[in-house]
Amino acid sequence: MKFSAAAMLLLVAAGPAAADAIPMVENGKFIMQDGESIFKNVCQGCHMPDAKGAVGAGAYPALANNSKLEQAGYPVSIVIHGQKGMPPFGPFMSDAQVAAVVNYVRSHFGNHYADKVTADDVKTQR
């Protein structure tokens, strides 16, 4: 499934935004580089600021205290390729950005997985 830059902007529209906020996208790619910024501007719109997920127009799984995140390859694959209602964000993130947001989620919200994902790990799953 491919998304245009316009469609991608709609996907992140639910995230925190202000009229005077810095742009989140440049040339069809997210510009945030650190995991926390990517989570806050892309992920928390669906997974919620506390990463406990939500149910409403869709079901957004909790990332907090999530044992499925133990195997680092699992969240990497989901971020890159999407799954069910989650769109693939791989086309809009570099390998380093995917690694950063996966590492952030795996080490916050009650998750304590110490092994780090690298950009090379992400590259092998593309």
PDB file of N, CA and C in Angstrom:
ATOM      1  N   MET A   1       0.849  -1.161   0.000  1.00  0.00           N
ATOM      2  CA  MET A   1       0.000   0.000   0.000  1.00  0.00           C
ATOM      3  C   MET A   1       0.898   1.228   0.000  1.00  0.00           C
ATOM      4  N   LYS A   2       0.631   2.169  -0.903  1.00  0.00           N
ATOM      5  CA  LYS A   2       1.428   3.396  -0.965  1.00  0.00           C
ATOM      6  C   LYS A   2       0.583   4.568  -0.507  1.00  0.00           C
ATOM      7  N   PHE A   3       1.253   5.508   0.127  1.00  0.00           N
ATOM      8  CA  PHE A   3       0.605   6.722   0.585  1.00  0.00           C
ATOM      9  C   PHE A   3       1.287   7.905  -0.076  1.00  0.00           C
ATOM     10  N   SER A   4       0.514   8.864  -0.494  1.00  0.00           N
ATOM     11  CA  SER A   4       1.091  10.102  -1.007  1.00  0.00           C
ATOM     12  C   SER A   4       1.513  10.955   0.177  1.00  0.00           C
ATOM     13  N   ALA A   5       2.288  11.962  -0.094  1.00  0.00           N
ATOM     14  CA  ALA A   5       2.704  12.872   0.977  1.00  0.00           C
ATOM     15  C   ALA A   5       1.484  13.510   1.632  1.00  0.00           C
ATOM     16  N   ALA A   6       0.468  13.829   0.838  1.00  0.00           N
ATOM     17  CA  ALA A   6      -0.749  14.432   1.396  1.00  0.00           C
ATOM     18  C   ALA A   6      -1.453  13.456   2.326  1.00  0.00           C
ATOM     19  N   ALA A   7      -1.524  12.186   1.933  1.00  0.00           N
ATOM     20  CA  ALA A   7      -2.171  11.186   2.782  1.00  0.00           C
ATOM     21  C   ALA A   7      -1.383  10.999   4.076  1.00  0.00           C
ATOM     22  N   MET A   8      -0.062  11.021   3.982  1.00  0.00           N
ATOM     23  CA  MET A   8       0.759  10.882   5.169  1.00  0.00           C
ATOM     24  C   MET A   8       0.511  12.027   6.134  1.00  0.00           C
ATOM     25  N   LEU A   9       0.363  13.220   5.615  1.00  0.00           N
ATOM     26  CA  LEU A   9       0.073  14.363   6.484  1.00  0.00           C
ATOM     27  C   LEU A   9      -1.249  14.185   7.212  1.00  0.00           C
ATOM     28  N   LEU A  10      -2.224  13.612   6.550  1.00  0.00           N
ATOM     29  CA  LEU A  10      -3.496  13.350   7.205  1.00  0.00           C
ATOM     30  C   LEU A  10      -3.342  12.326   8.320  1.00  0.00           C
ATOM     31  N   LEU A  11      -2.453  11.358   8.130  1.00  0.00           N
ATOM     32  CA  LEU A  11      -2.230  10.338   9.148  1.00  0.00           C
ATOM     33  C   LEU A  11      -1.690  10.929  10.436  1.00  0.00           C
ATOM     34  N   VAL A  12      -0.859  11.936  10.330  1.00  0.00           N
ATOM     35  CA  VAL A  12      -0.275  12.514  11.534  1.00  0.00           C
ATOM     36  C   VAL A  12      -1.057  13.723  12.036  1.00  0.00           C
ATOM     37  N   ALA A  13      -2.131  14.066  11.354  1.00  0.00           N
ATOM     38  CA  ALA A  13      -2.912  15.237  11.746  1.00  0.00           C
ATOM     39  C   ALA A  13      -3.483  15.098  13.147  1.00  0.00           C
ATOM     40  N   ALA A  14      -3.711  13.877  13.596  1.00  0.00           N
ATOM     41  CA  ALA A  14      -4.249  13.666  14.929  1.00  0.00           C
ATOM     42  C   ALA A  14      -3.230  13.967  16.019  1.00  0.00           C
ATOM     43  N   GLY A  15      -1.962  14.054  15.652  1.00  0.00           N
ATOM     44  CA  GLY A  15      -0.901  14.331  16.620  1.00  0.00           C
ATOM     45  C   GLY A  15      -0.940  15.775  17.059  1.00  0.00           C
ATOM     46  N   PRO A  16      -0.126  16.108  18.068  1.00  0.00           N
ATOM     47  CA  PRO A  16      -0.131  17.482  18.555  1.00  0.00           C
ATOM     48  C   PRO A  16       0.366  18.427  17.473  1.00  0.00           C
ATOM     49  N   ALA A  17      -0.400  19.458  17.241  1.00  0.00           N
ATOM     50  CA  ALA A  17      -0.005  20.435  16.225  1.00  0.00           C
ATOM     51  C   ALA A  17      -0.516  21.799  16.641  1.00  0.00           C
ATOM     52  N   ALA A  18       0.242  22.782  16.300  1.00  0.00           N
ATOM     53  CA  ALA A  18      -0.169  24.163  16.540  1.00  0.00           C
ATOM     54  C   ALA A  18       0.107  24.940  15.263  1.00  0.00           C
ATOM     55  N   ALA A  19      -0.608  26.030  15.088  1.00  0.00           N
ATOM     56  CA  ALA A  19      -0.462  26.812  13.864  1.00  0.00           C
ATOM     57  C   ALA A  19       0.972  27.283  13.661  1.00  0.00           C
ATOM     58  N   ASP A  20       1.679  27.531  14.758  1.00  0.00           N
ATOM     59  CA  ASP A  20       3.043  28.023  14.631  1.00  0.00           C
ATOM     60  C   ASP A  20       4.086  26.926  14.868  1.00  0.00           C
ATOM     61  N   ALA A  21       3.671  25.670  14.844  1.00  0.00           N
ATOM     62  CA  ALA A  21       4.599  24.558  15.060  1.00  0.00           C
ATOM     63  C   ALA A  21       5.540  24.411  13.866  1.00  0.00           C
ATOM     64  N   ILE A  22       6.705  23.836  14.125  1.00  0.00           N
ATOM     65  CA  ILE A  22       7.638  23.588  13.035  1.00  0.00           C
ATOM     66  C   ILE A  22       7.068  22.491  12.137  1.00  0.00           C
ATOM     67  N   PRO A  23       7.401  22.505  10.863  1.00  0.00           N
ATOM     68  CA  PRO A  23       6.884  21.466   9.970  1.00  0.00           C
ATOM     69  C   PRO A  23       7.368  20.092  10.415  1.00  0.00           C
ATOM     70  N   MET A  24       6.505  19.075  10.256  1.00  0.00           N
ATOM     71  CA  MET A  24       6.863  17.718  10.631  1.00  0.00           C
ATOM     72  C   MET A  24       7.348  16.915   9.439  1.00  0.00           C
ATOM     73  N   VAL A  25       7.091  17.411   8.231  1.00  0.00           N
ATOM     74  CA  VAL A  25       7.405  16.661   7.022  1.00  0.00           C
ATOM     75  C   VAL A  25       8.163  17.565   6.053  1.00  0.00           C
ATOM     76  N   GLU A  26       9.160  16.989   5.414  1.00  0.00           N
ATOM     77  CA  GLU A  26       9.898  17.699   4.378  1.00  0.00           C
ATOM     78  C   GLU A  26      10.210  16.702   3.273  1.00  0.00           C
ATOM     79  N   ASN A  27       9.844  17.048   2.055  1.00  0.00           N
ATOM     80  CA  ASN A  27      10.060  16.161   0.914  1.00  0.00           C
ATOM     81  C   ASN A  27       9.471  14.773   1.126  1.00  0.00           C
ATOM     82  N   GLY A  28       8.299  14.706   1.755  1.00  0.00           N
ATOM     83  CA  GLY A  28       7.614  13.433   1.948  1.00  0.00           C
ATOM     84  C   GLY A  28       8.167  12.564   3.057  1.00  0.00           C
ATOM     85  N   LYS A  29       9.059  13.102   3.885  1.00  0.00           N
ATOM     86  CA  LYS A  29       9.665  12.341   4.985  1.00  0.00           C
ATOM     87  C   LYS A  29       9.483  13.104   6.289  1.00  0.00           C
ATOM     88  N   PHE A  30       9.318  12.367   7.378  1.00  0.00           N
ATOM     89  CA  PHE A  30       9.284  13.007   8.687  1.00  0.00           C
ATOM     90  C   PHE A  30      10.641  13.627   8.965  1.00  0.00           C
ATOM     91  N   ILE A  31      10.648  14.785   9.614  1.00  0.00           N
ATOM     92  CA  ILE A  31      11.918  15.439   9.911  1.00  0.00           C
ATOM     93  C   ILE A  31      12.385  15.179  11.343  1.00  0.00           C
ATOM     94  N   MET A  32      11.491  14.739  12.214  1.00  0.00           N
ATOM     95  CA  MET A  32      11.896  14.461  13.590  1.00  0.00           C
ATOM     96  C   MET A  32      12.907  13.319  13.569  1.00  0.00           C
ATOM     97  N   GLN A  33      13.939  13.426  14.372  1.00  0.00           N
ATOM     98  CA  GLN A  33      14.989  12.407  14.370  1.00  0.00           C
ATOM     99  C   GLN A  33      15.020  11.567  15.642  1.00  0.00           C
ATOM    100  N   ASP A  34      14.598  12.122  16.760  1.00  0.00           N
ATOM    101  CA  ASP A  34      14.683  11.352  18.003  1.00  0.00           C
ATOM    102  C   ASP A  34      13.371  10.609  18.263  1.00  0.00           C
ATOM    103  N   GLY A  35      13.489   9.496  18.956  1.00  0.00           N
ATOM    104  CA  GLY A  35      12.340   8.631  19.201  1.00  0.00           C
ATOM    105  C   GLY A  35      11.191   9.310  19.918  1.00  0.00           C
ATOM    106  N   GLU A  36      11.501  10.129  20.895  1.00  0.00           N
ATOM    107  CA  GLU A  36      10.442  10.808  21.648  1.00  0.00           C
ATOM    108  C   GLU A  36       9.644  11.738  20.742  1.00  0.00           C
ATOM    109  N   SER A  37      10.323  12.521  19.918  1.00  0.00           N
ATOM    110  CA  SER A  37       9.624  13.439  19.011  1.00  0.00           C
ATOM    111  C   SER A  37       8.784  12.687  17.991  1.00  0.00           C
ATOM    112  N   ILE A  38       9.322  11.606  17.475  1.00  0.00           N
ATOM    113  CA  ILE A  38       8.557  10.810  16.510  1.00  0.00           C
ATOM    114  C   ILE A  38       7.322  10.233  17.190  1.00  0.00           C
ATOM    115  N   PHE A  39       7.491   9.676  18.387  1.00  0.00           N
ATOM    116  CA  PHE A  39       6.335   9.128  19.111  1.00  0.00           C
ATOM    117  C   PHE A  39       5.286  10.211  19.338  1.00  0.00           C
ATOM    118  N   LYS A  40       5.693  11.355  19.841  1.00  0.00           N
ATOM    119  CA  LYS A  40       4.742  12.415  20.183  1.00  0.00           C
ATOM    120  C   LYS A  40       4.043  12.994  18.954  1.00  0.00           C
ATOM    121  N   ASN A  41       4.717  13.057  17.828  1.00  0.00           N
ATOM    122  CA  ASN A  41       4.138  13.676  16.638  1.00  0.00           C
ATOM    123  C   ASN A  41       3.489  12.694  15.670  1.00  0.00           C
ATOM    124  N   VAL A  42       3.787  11.418  15.795  1.00  0.00           N
ATOM    125  CA  VAL A  42       3.259  10.436  14.850  1.00  0.00           C
ATOM    126  C   VAL A  42       2.431   9.366  15.555  1.00  0.00           C
ATOM    127  N   CYS A  43       2.960   8.790  16.602  1.00  0.00           N
ATOM    128  CA  CYS A  43       2.368   7.592  17.207  1.00  0.00           C
ATOM    129  C   CYS A  43       1.269   7.871  18.234  1.00  0.00           C
ATOM    130  N   GLN A  44       1.468   8.892  19.055  1.00  0.00           N
ATOM    131  CA  GLN A  44       0.550   9.074  20.171  1.00  0.00           C
ATOM    132  C   GLN A  44      -0.854   9.491  19.744  1.00  0.00           C
ATOM    133  N   GLY A  45      -1.014   9.944  18.527  1.00  0.00           N
ATOM    134  CA  GLY A  45      -2.354  10.291  18.056  1.00  0.00           C
ATOM    135  C   GLY A  45      -3.295   9.094  18.098  1.00  0.00           C
ATOM    136  N   CYS A  46      -2.774   7.914  17.905  1.00  0.00           N
ATOM    137  CA  CYS A  46      -3.578   6.686  17.957  1.00  0.00           C
ATOM    138  C   CYS A  46      -3.315   5.878  19.230  1.00  0.00           C
ATOM    139  N   HIS A  47      -2.047   5.746  19.600  1.00  0.00           N
ATOM    140  CA  HIS A  47      -1.684   4.908  20.744  1.00  0.00           C
ATOM    141  C   HIS A  47      -1.810   5.651  22.068  1.00  0.00           C
ATOM    142  N   MET A  48      -2.111   6.940  22.045  1.00  0.00           N
ATOM    143  CA  MET A  48      -2.325   7.811  23.188  1.00  0.00           C
ATOM    144  C   MET A  48      -1.012   8.238  23.836  1.00  0.00           C
ATOM    145  N   PRO A  49      -0.997   9.407  24.490  1.00  0.00           N
ATOM    146  CA  PRO A  49       0.230   9.918  25.097  1.00  0.00           C
ATOM    147  C   PRO A  49       0.851   8.972  26.130  1.00  0.00           C
ATOM    148  N   ASP A  50       0.014   8.184  26.806  1.00  0.00           N
ATOM    149  CA  ASP A  50       0.531   7.247  27.802  1.00  0.00           C
ATOM    150  C   ASP A  50       0.811   5.870  27.203  1.00  0.00           C
ATOM    151  N   ALA A  51       0.609   5.741  25.878  1.00  0.00           N
ATOM    152  CA  ALA A  51       0.846   4.503  25.123  1.00  0.00           C
ATOM    153  C   ALA A  51      -0.050   3.350  25.573  1.00  0.00           C
ATOM    154  N   LYS A  52      -1.170   3.677  26.210  1.00  0.00           N
ATOM    155  CA  LYS A  52      -2.073   2.620  26.681  1.00  0.00           C
ATOM    156  C   LYS A  52      -3.108   2.231  25.638  1.00  0.00           C
ATOM    157  N   GLY A  53      -3.021   2.818  24.446  1.00  0.00           N
ATOM    158  CA  GLY A  53      -3.927   2.455  23.365  1.00  0.00           C
ATOM    159  C   GLY A  53      -5.313   3.041  23.537  1.00  0.00           C
ATOM    160  N   ALA A  54      -6.190   2.698  22.606  1.00  0.00           N
ATOM    161  CA  ALA A  54      -7.549   3.234  22.634  1.00  0.00           C
ATOM    162  C   ALA A  54      -8.452   2.362  21.782  1.00  0.00           C
ATOM    163  N   VAL A  55      -9.741   2.478  22.041  1.00  0.00           N
ATOM    164  CA  VAL A  55     -10.752   1.817  21.225  1.00  0.00           C
ATOM    165  C   VAL A  55     -11.801   2.870  20.920  1.00  0.00           C
ATOM    166  N   GLY A  56     -12.192   2.953  19.673  1.00  0.00           N
ATOM    167  CA  GLY A  56     -13.187   3.920  19.240  1.00  0.00           C
ATOM    168  C   GLY A  56     -13.504   3.634  17.794  1.00  0.00           C
ATOM    169  N   ALA A  57     -13.087   4.522  16.912  1.00  0.00           N
ATOM    170  CA  ALA A  57     -13.279   4.297  15.481  1.00  0.00           C
ATOM    171  C   ALA A  57     -12.452   3.104  15.013  1.00  0.00           C
ATOM    172  N   GLY A  58     -11.465   2.748  15.786  1.00  0.00           N
ATOM    173  CA  GLY A  58     -10.626   1.580  15.524  1.00  0.00           C
ATOM    174  C   GLY A  58     -10.057   1.106  16.839  1.00  0.00           C
ATOM    175  N   ALA A  59      -9.307   0.030  16.789  1.00  0.00           N
ATOM    176  CA  ALA A  59      -8.648  -0.480  17.990  1.00  0.00           C
ATOM    177  C   ALA A  59      -7.158  -0.218  17.849  1.00  0.00           C
ATOM    178  N   TYR A  60      -6.603   0.518  18.778  1.00  0.00           N
ATOM    179  CA  TYR A  60      -5.199   0.891  18.768  1.00  0.00           C
ATOM    180  C   TYR A  60      -4.541   0.233  19.967  1.00  0.00           C
ATOM    181  N   PRO A  61      -3.697  -0.758  19.732  1.00  0.00           N
ATOM    182  CA  PRO A  61      -3.159  -1.531  20.852  1.00  0.00           C
ATOM    183  C   PRO A  61      -2.265  -0.724  21.775  1.00  0.00           C
ATOM    184  N   ALA A  62      -2.259  -1.155  23.015  1.00  0.00           N
ATOM    185  CA  ALA A  62      -1.375  -0.549  24.010  1.00  0.00           C
ATOM    186  C   ALA A  62       0.063  -0.914  23.686  1.00  0.00           C
ATOM    187  N   LEU A  63       0.936   0.052  23.788  1.00  0.00           N
ATOM    188  CA  LEU A  63       2.376  -0.182  23.678  1.00  0.00           C
ATOM    189  C   LEU A  63       2.987  -0.252  25.073  1.00  0.00           C
ATOM    190  N   ALA A  64       2.279   0.274  26.061  1.00  0.00           N
ATOM    191  CA  ALA A  64       2.741   0.264  27.444  1.00  0.00           C
ATOM    192  C   ALA A  64       2.709  -1.163  27.984  1.00  0.00           C
ATOM    193  N   ASN A  65       3.774  -1.529  28.671  1.00  0.00           N
ATOM    194  CA  ASN A  65       3.870  -2.859  29.281  1.00  0.00           C
ATOM    195  C   ASN A  65       3.533  -3.964  28.298  1.00  0.00           C
ATOM    196  N   ASN A  66       4.032  -3.854  27.092  1.00  0.00           N
ATOM    197  CA  ASN A  66       3.687  -4.786  26.023  1.00  0.00           C
ATOM    198  C   ASN A  66       4.783  -5.828  25.824  1.00  0.00           C
ATOM    199  N   SER A  67       4.483  -7.073  26.162  1.00  0.00           N
ATOM    200  CA  SER A  67       5.474  -8.144  26.042  1.00  0.00           C
ATOM    201  C   SER A  67       5.806  -8.477  24.585  1.00  0.00           C
ATOM    202  N   LYS A  68       4.949  -8.085  23.656  1.00  0.00           N
ATOM    203  CA  LYS A  68       5.236  -8.323  22.237  1.00  0.00           C
ATOM    204  C   LYS A  68       6.432  -7.503  21.761  1.00  0.00           C
ATOM    205  N   LEU A  69       6.812  -6.486  22.507  1.00  0.00           N
ATOM    206  CA  LEU A  69       7.943  -5.646  22.128  1.00  0.00           C
ATOM    207  C   LEU A  69       9.278  -6.257  22.529  1.00  0.00           C
ATOM    208  N   GLU A  70       9.230  -7.380  23.250  1.00  0.00           N
ATOM    209  CA  GLU A  70      10.474  -8.008  23.709  1.00  0.00           C
ATOM    210  C   GLU A  70      11.379  -8.366  22.536  1.00  0.00           C
ATOM    211  N   GLN A  71      10.818  -8.948  21.504  1.00  0.00           N
ATOM    212  CA  GLN A  71      11.593  -9.270  20.304  1.00  0.00           C
ATOM    213  C   GLN A  71      11.638  -8.012  19.445  1.00  0.00           C
ATOM    214  N   ALA A  72      12.773  -7.357  19.388  1.00  0.00           N
ATOM    215  CA  ALA A  72      12.900  -6.050  18.741  1.00  0.00           C
ATOM    216  C   ALA A  72      12.475  -6.057  17.280  1.00  0.00           C
ATOM    217  N   GLY A  73      12.622  -7.168  16.612  1.00  0.00           N
ATOM    218  CA  GLY A  73      12.245  -7.246  15.203  1.00  0.00           C
ATOM    219  C   GLY A  73      10.760  -7.064  14.976  1.00  0.00           C
ATOM    220  N   TYR A  74       9.951  -7.418  15.965  1.00  0.00           N
ATOM    221  CA  TYR A  74       8.495  -7.289  15.822  1.00  0.00           C
ATOM    222  C   TYR A  74       8.056  -5.832  15.655  1.00  0.00           C
ATOM    223  N   PRO A  75       8.389  -4.938  16.579  1.00  0.00           N
ATOM    224  CA  PRO A  75       7.951  -3.547  16.374  1.00  0.00           C
ATOM    225  C   PRO A  75       8.610  -2.893  15.162  1.00  0.00           C
ATOM    226  N   VAL A  76       9.834  -3.291  14.840  1.00  0.00           N
ATOM    227  CA  VAL A  76      10.485  -2.750  13.644  1.00  0.00           C
ATOM    228  C   VAL A  76       9.647  -3.084  12.423  1.00  0.00           C
ATOM    229  N   SER A  77       9.245  -4.336  12.309  1.00  0.00           N
ATOM    230  CA  SER A  77       8.441  -4.772  11.168  1.00  0.00           C
ATOM    231  C   SER A  77       7.104  -4.045  11.106  1.00  0.00           C
ATOM    232  N   ILE A  78       6.464  -3.870  12.250  1.00  0.00           N
ATOM    233  CA  ILE A  78       5.156  -3.202  12.288  1.00  0.00           C
ATOM    234  C   ILE A  78       5.296  -1.738  11.853  1.00  0.00           C
ATOM    235  N   VAL A  79       6.312  -1.052  12.344  1.00  0.00           N
ATOM    236  CA  VAL A  79       6.505   0.354  11.967  1.00  0.00           C
ATOM    237  C   VAL A  79       6.782   0.466  10.467  1.00  0.00           C
ATOM    238  N   ILE A  80       7.626  -0.407   9.946  1.00  0.00           N
ATOM    239  CA  ILE A  80       7.981  -0.331   8.527  1.00  0.00           C
ATOM    240  C   ILE A  80       6.820  -0.722   7.626  1.00  0.00           C
ATOM    241  N   HIS A  81       6.221  -1.867   7.908  1.00  0.00           N
ATOM    242  CA  HIS A  81       5.245  -2.461   6.985  1.00  0.00           C
ATOM    243  C   HIS A  81       3.782  -2.248   7.371  1.00  0.00           C
ATOM    244  N   GLY A  82       3.522  -1.816   8.600  1.00  0.00           N
ATOM    245  CA  GLY A  82       2.148  -1.666   9.058  1.00  0.00           C
ATOM    246  C   GLY A  82       1.536  -3.006   9.395  1.00  0.00           C
ATOM    247  N   GLN A  83       0.334  -2.955   9.954  1.00  0.00           N
ATOM    248  CA  GLN A  83      -0.419  -4.168  10.276  1.00  0.00           C
ATOM    249  C   GLN A  83      -1.842  -3.764  10.601  1.00  0.00           C
ATOM    250  N   LYS A  84      -2.786  -4.474  10.012  1.00  0.00           N
ATOM    251  CA  LYS A  84      -4.214  -4.190  10.208  1.00  0.00           C
ATOM    252  C   LYS A  84      -4.472  -2.710   9.956  1.00  0.00           C
ATOM    253  N   GLY A  85      -4.948  -1.974  10.954  1.00  0.00           N
ATOM    254  CA  GLY A  85      -5.283  -0.568  10.770  1.00  0.00           C
ATOM    255  C   GLY A  85      -4.108   0.388  10.797  1.00  0.00           C
ATOM    256  N   MET A  86      -2.944  -0.120  11.160  1.00  0.00           N
ATOM    257  CA  MET A  86      -1.771   0.767  11.202  1.00  0.00           C
ATOM    258  C   MET A  86      -1.116   0.811   9.833  1.00  0.00           C
ATOM    259  N   PRO A  87      -0.974   2.008   9.295  1.00  0.00           N
ATOM    260  CA  PRO A  87      -0.334   2.125   7.980  1.00  0.00           C
ATOM    261  C   PRO A  87       1.167   1.890   8.068  1.00  0.00           C
ATOM    262  N   PRO A  88       1.784   1.553   6.961  1.00  0.00           N
ATOM    263  CA  PRO A  88       3.241   1.406   6.954  1.00  0.00           C
ATOM    264  C   PRO A  88       3.906   2.780   6.976  1.00  0.00           C
ATOM    265  N   PHE A  89       4.758   2.993   7.952  1.00  0.00           N
ATOM    266  CA  PHE A  89       5.468   4.262   8.049  1.00  0.00           C
ATOM    267  C   PHE A  89       6.874   4.176   7.480  1.00  0.00           C
ATOM    268  N   GLY A  90       7.284   3.004   7.036  1.00  0.00           N
ATOM    269  CA  GLY A  90       8.611   2.835   6.468  1.00  0.00           C
ATOM    270  C   GLY A  90       8.958   3.807   5.361  1.00  0.00           C
ATOM    271  N   PRO A  91       8.031   4.083   4.441  1.00  0.00           N
ATOM    272  CA  PRO A  91       8.367   5.016   3.361  1.00  0.00           C
ATOM    273  C   PRO A  91       8.623   6.449   3.827  1.00  0.00           C
ATOM    274  N   PHE A  92       8.201   6.768   5.040  1.00  0.00           N
ATOM    275  CA  PHE A  92       8.297   8.141   5.530  1.00  0.00           C
ATOM    276  C   PHE A  92       9.369   8.335   6.589  1.00  0.00           C
ATOM    277  N   MET A  93      10.103   7.240   6.905  1.00  0.00           N
ATOM    278  CA  MET A  93      11.145   7.299   7.926  1.00  0.00           C
ATOM    279  C   MET A  93      12.419   6.649   7.412  1.00  0.00           C
ATOM    280  N   SER A  94      13.538   7.194   7.848  1.00  0.00           N
ATOM    281  CA  SER A  94      14.832   6.563   7.576  1.00  0.00           C
ATOM    282  C   SER A  94      14.994   5.373   8.511  1.00  0.00           C
ATOM    283  N   ASP A  95      16.004   4.570   8.237  1.00  0.00           N
ATOM    284  CA  ASP A  95      16.298   3.438   9.122  1.00  0.00           C
ATOM    285  C   ASP A  95      16.605   3.935  10.535  1.00  0.00           C
ATOM    286  N   ALA A  96      17.328   5.035  10.637  1.00  0.00           N
ATOM    287  CA  ALA A  96      17.672   5.595  11.951  1.00  0.00           C
ATOM    288  C   ALA A  96      16.429   6.076  12.695  1.00  0.00           C
ATOM    289  N   GLN A  97      15.467   6.664  11.991  1.00  0.00           N
ATOM    290  CA  GLN A  97      14.241   7.123  12.639  1.00  0.00           C
ATOM    291  C   GLN A  97      13.413   5.951  13.155  1.00  0.00           C
ATOM    292  N   VAL A  98      13.300   4.896  12.353  1.00  0.00           N
ATOM    293  CA  VAL A  98      12.558   3.704  12.797  1.00  0.00           C
ATOM    294  C   VAL A  98      13.226   3.144  14.050  1.00  0.00           C
ATOM    295  N   ALA A  99      14.550   3.004  14.020  1.00  0.00           N
ATOM    296  CA  ALA A  99      15.271   2.485  15.184  1.00  0.00           C
ATOM    297  C   ALA A  99      15.036   3.381  16.401  1.00  0.00           C
ATOM    298  N   ALA A 100      15.060   4.684  16.210  1.00  0.00           N
ATOM    299  CA  ALA A 100      14.894   5.621  17.323  1.00  0.00           C
ATOM    300  C   ALA A 100      13.523   5.488  17.976  1.00  0.00           C
ATOM    301  N   VAL A 101      12.465   5.418  17.189  1.00  0.00           N
ATOM    302  CA  VAL A 101      11.135   5.344  17.786  1.00  0.00           C
ATOM    303  C   VAL A 101      10.891   3.973  18.409  1.00  0.00           C
ATOM    304  N   VAL A 102      11.405   2.919  17.795  1.00  0.00           N
ATOM    305  CA  VAL A 102      11.265   1.586  18.391  1.00  0.00           C
ATOM    306  C   VAL A 102      12.022   1.527  19.715  1.00  0.00           C
ATOM    307  N   ASN A 103      13.241   2.041  19.748  1.00  0.00           N
ATOM    308  CA  ASN A 103      14.012   2.056  20.994  1.00  0.00           C
ATOM    309  C   ASN A 103      13.315   2.880  22.068  1.00  0.00           C
ATOM    310  N   TYR A 104      12.717   3.996  21.669  1.00  0.00           N
ATOM    311  CA  TYR A 104      12.009   4.835  22.633  1.00  0.00           C
ATOM    312  C   TYR A 104      10.833   4.078  23.252  1.00  0.00           C
ATOM    313  N   VAL A 105      10.021   3.467  22.428  1.00  0.00           N
ATOM    314  CA  VAL A 105       8.841   2.757  22.937  1.00  0.00           C
ATOM    315  C   VAL A 105       9.264   1.546  23.775  1.00  0.00           C
ATOM    316  N   ARG A 106      10.330   0.862  23.364  1.00  0.00           N
ATOM    317  CA  ARG A 106      10.781  -0.325  24.087  1.00  0.00           C
ATOM    318  C   ARG A 106      11.455   0.011  25.418  1.00  0.00           C
ATOM    319  N   SER A 107      11.750   1.282  25.664  1.00  0.00           N
ATOM    320  CA  SER A 107      12.413   1.662  26.915  1.00  0.00           C
ATOM    321  C   SER A 107      11.603   2.675  27.731  1.00  0.00           C
ATOM    322  N   HIS A 108      10.359   2.881  27.363  1.00  0.00           N
ATOM    323  CA  HIS A 108       9.458   3.785  28.096  1.00  0.00           C
ATOM    324  C   HIS A 108       8.112   3.101  28.280  1.00  0.00           C
ATOM    325  N   PHE A 109       7.223   3.748  29.003  1.00  0.00           N
ATOM    326  CA  PHE A 109       5.846   3.278  29.187  1.00  0.00           C
ATOM    327  C   PHE A 109       5.797   1.923  29.898  1.00  0.00           C
ATOM    328  N   GLY A 110       6.702   1.703  30.825  1.00  0.00           N
ATOM    329  CA  GLY A 110       6.730   0.441  31.560  1.00  0.00           C
ATOM    330  C   GLY A 110       7.458  -0.669  30.836  1.00  0.00           C
ATOM    331  N   ASN A 111       7.999  -0.378  29.669  1.00  0.00           N
ATOM    332  CA  ASN A 111       8.811  -1.348  28.937  1.00  0.00           C
ATOM    333  C   ASN A 111      10.271  -1.124  29.326  1.00  0.00           C
ATOM    334  N   HIS A 112      10.998  -2.202  29.539  1.00  0.00           N
ATOM    335  CA  HIS A 112      12.394  -2.085  29.977  1.00  0.00           C
ATOM    336  C   HIS A 112      13.302  -2.999  29.164  1.00  0.00           C
ATOM    337  N   TYR A 113      13.136  -2.985  27.852  1.00  0.00           N
ATOM    338  CA  TYR A 113      13.959  -3.823  26.983  1.00  0.00           C
ATOM    339  C   TYR A 113      15.238  -3.058  26.664  1.00  0.00           C
ATOM    340  N   ALA A 114      16.358  -3.590  27.129  1.00  0.00           N
ATOM    341  CA  ALA A 114      17.622  -2.863  27.062  1.00  0.00           C
ATOM    342  C   ALA A 114      18.355  -3.012  25.736  1.00  0.00           C
ATOM    343  N   ASP A 115      18.099  -4.097  25.006  1.00  0.00           N
ATOM    344  CA  ASP A 115      18.819  -4.274  23.740  1.00  0.00           C
ATOM    345  C   ASP A 115      18.318  -3.236  22.745  1.00  0.00           C
ATOM    346  N   LYS A 116      19.244  -2.576  22.103  1.00  0.00           N
ATOM    347  CA  LYS A 116      18.911  -1.482  21.190  1.00  0.00           C
ATOM    348  C   LYS A 116      18.827  -1.962  19.744  1.00  0.00           C
ATOM    349  N   VAL A 117      17.890  -1.404  19.022  1.00  0.00           N
ATOM    350  CA  VAL A 117      17.757  -1.625  17.589  1.00  0.00           C
ATOM    351  C   VAL A 117      18.671  -0.624  16.896  1.00  0.00           C
ATOM    352  N   THR A 118      19.374  -1.060  15.868  1.00  0.00           N
ATOM    353  CA  THR A 118      20.236  -0.162  15.101  1.00  0.00           C
ATOM    354  C   THR A 118      19.619   0.090  13.729  1.00  0.00           C
ATOM    355  N   ALA A 119      20.123   1.098  13.065  1.00  0.00           N
ATOM    356  CA  ALA A 119      19.675   1.387  11.699  1.00  0.00           C
ATOM    357  C   ALA A 119      19.958   0.194  10.792  1.00  0.00           C
ATOM    358  N   ASP A 120      21.050  -0.508  11.022  1.00  0.00           N
ATOM    359  CA  ASP A 120      21.358  -1.707  10.223  1.00  0.00           C
ATOM    360  C   ASP A 120      20.327  -2.804  10.455  1.00  0.00           C
ATOM    361  N   ASP A 121      19.844  -2.946  11.691  1.00  0.00           N
ATOM    362  CA  ASP A 121      18.788  -3.934  11.980  1.00  0.00           C
ATOM    363  C   ASP A 121      17.538  -3.610  11.169  1.00  0.00           C
ATOM    364  N   VAL A 122      17.210  -2.329  11.112  1.00  0.00           N
ATOM    365  CA  VAL A 122      16.024  -1.884  10.375  1.00  0.00           C
ATOM    366  C   VAL A 122      16.222  -2.150   8.887  1.00  0.00           C
ATOM    367  N   LYS A 123      17.387  -1.820   8.388  1.00  0.00           N
ATOM    368  CA  LYS A 123      17.676  -1.988   6.969  1.00  0.00           C
ATOM    369  C   LYS A 123      17.452  -3.422   6.517  1.00  0.00           C
ATOM    370  N   THR A 124      17.777  -4.396   7.348  1.00  0.00           N
ATOM    371  CA  THR A 124      17.605  -5.802   6.965  1.00  0.00           C
ATOM    372  C   THR A 124      16.140  -6.199   6.859  1.00  0.00           C
ATOM    373  N   GLN A 125      15.242  -5.435   7.487  1.00  0.00           N
ATOM    374  CA  GLN A 125      13.815  -5.771   7.428  1.00  0.00           C
ATOM    375  C   GLN A 125      13.062  -5.042   6.329  1.00  0.00           C
ATOM    376  N   ARG A 126      13.704  -4.131   5.654  1.00  0.00           N
ATOM    377  CA  ARG A 126      13.022  -3.396   4.592  1.00  0.00           C
ATOM    378  C   ARG A 126      12.797  -4.274   3.384  1.00  0.00           C
TER     379      ARG A 126
END
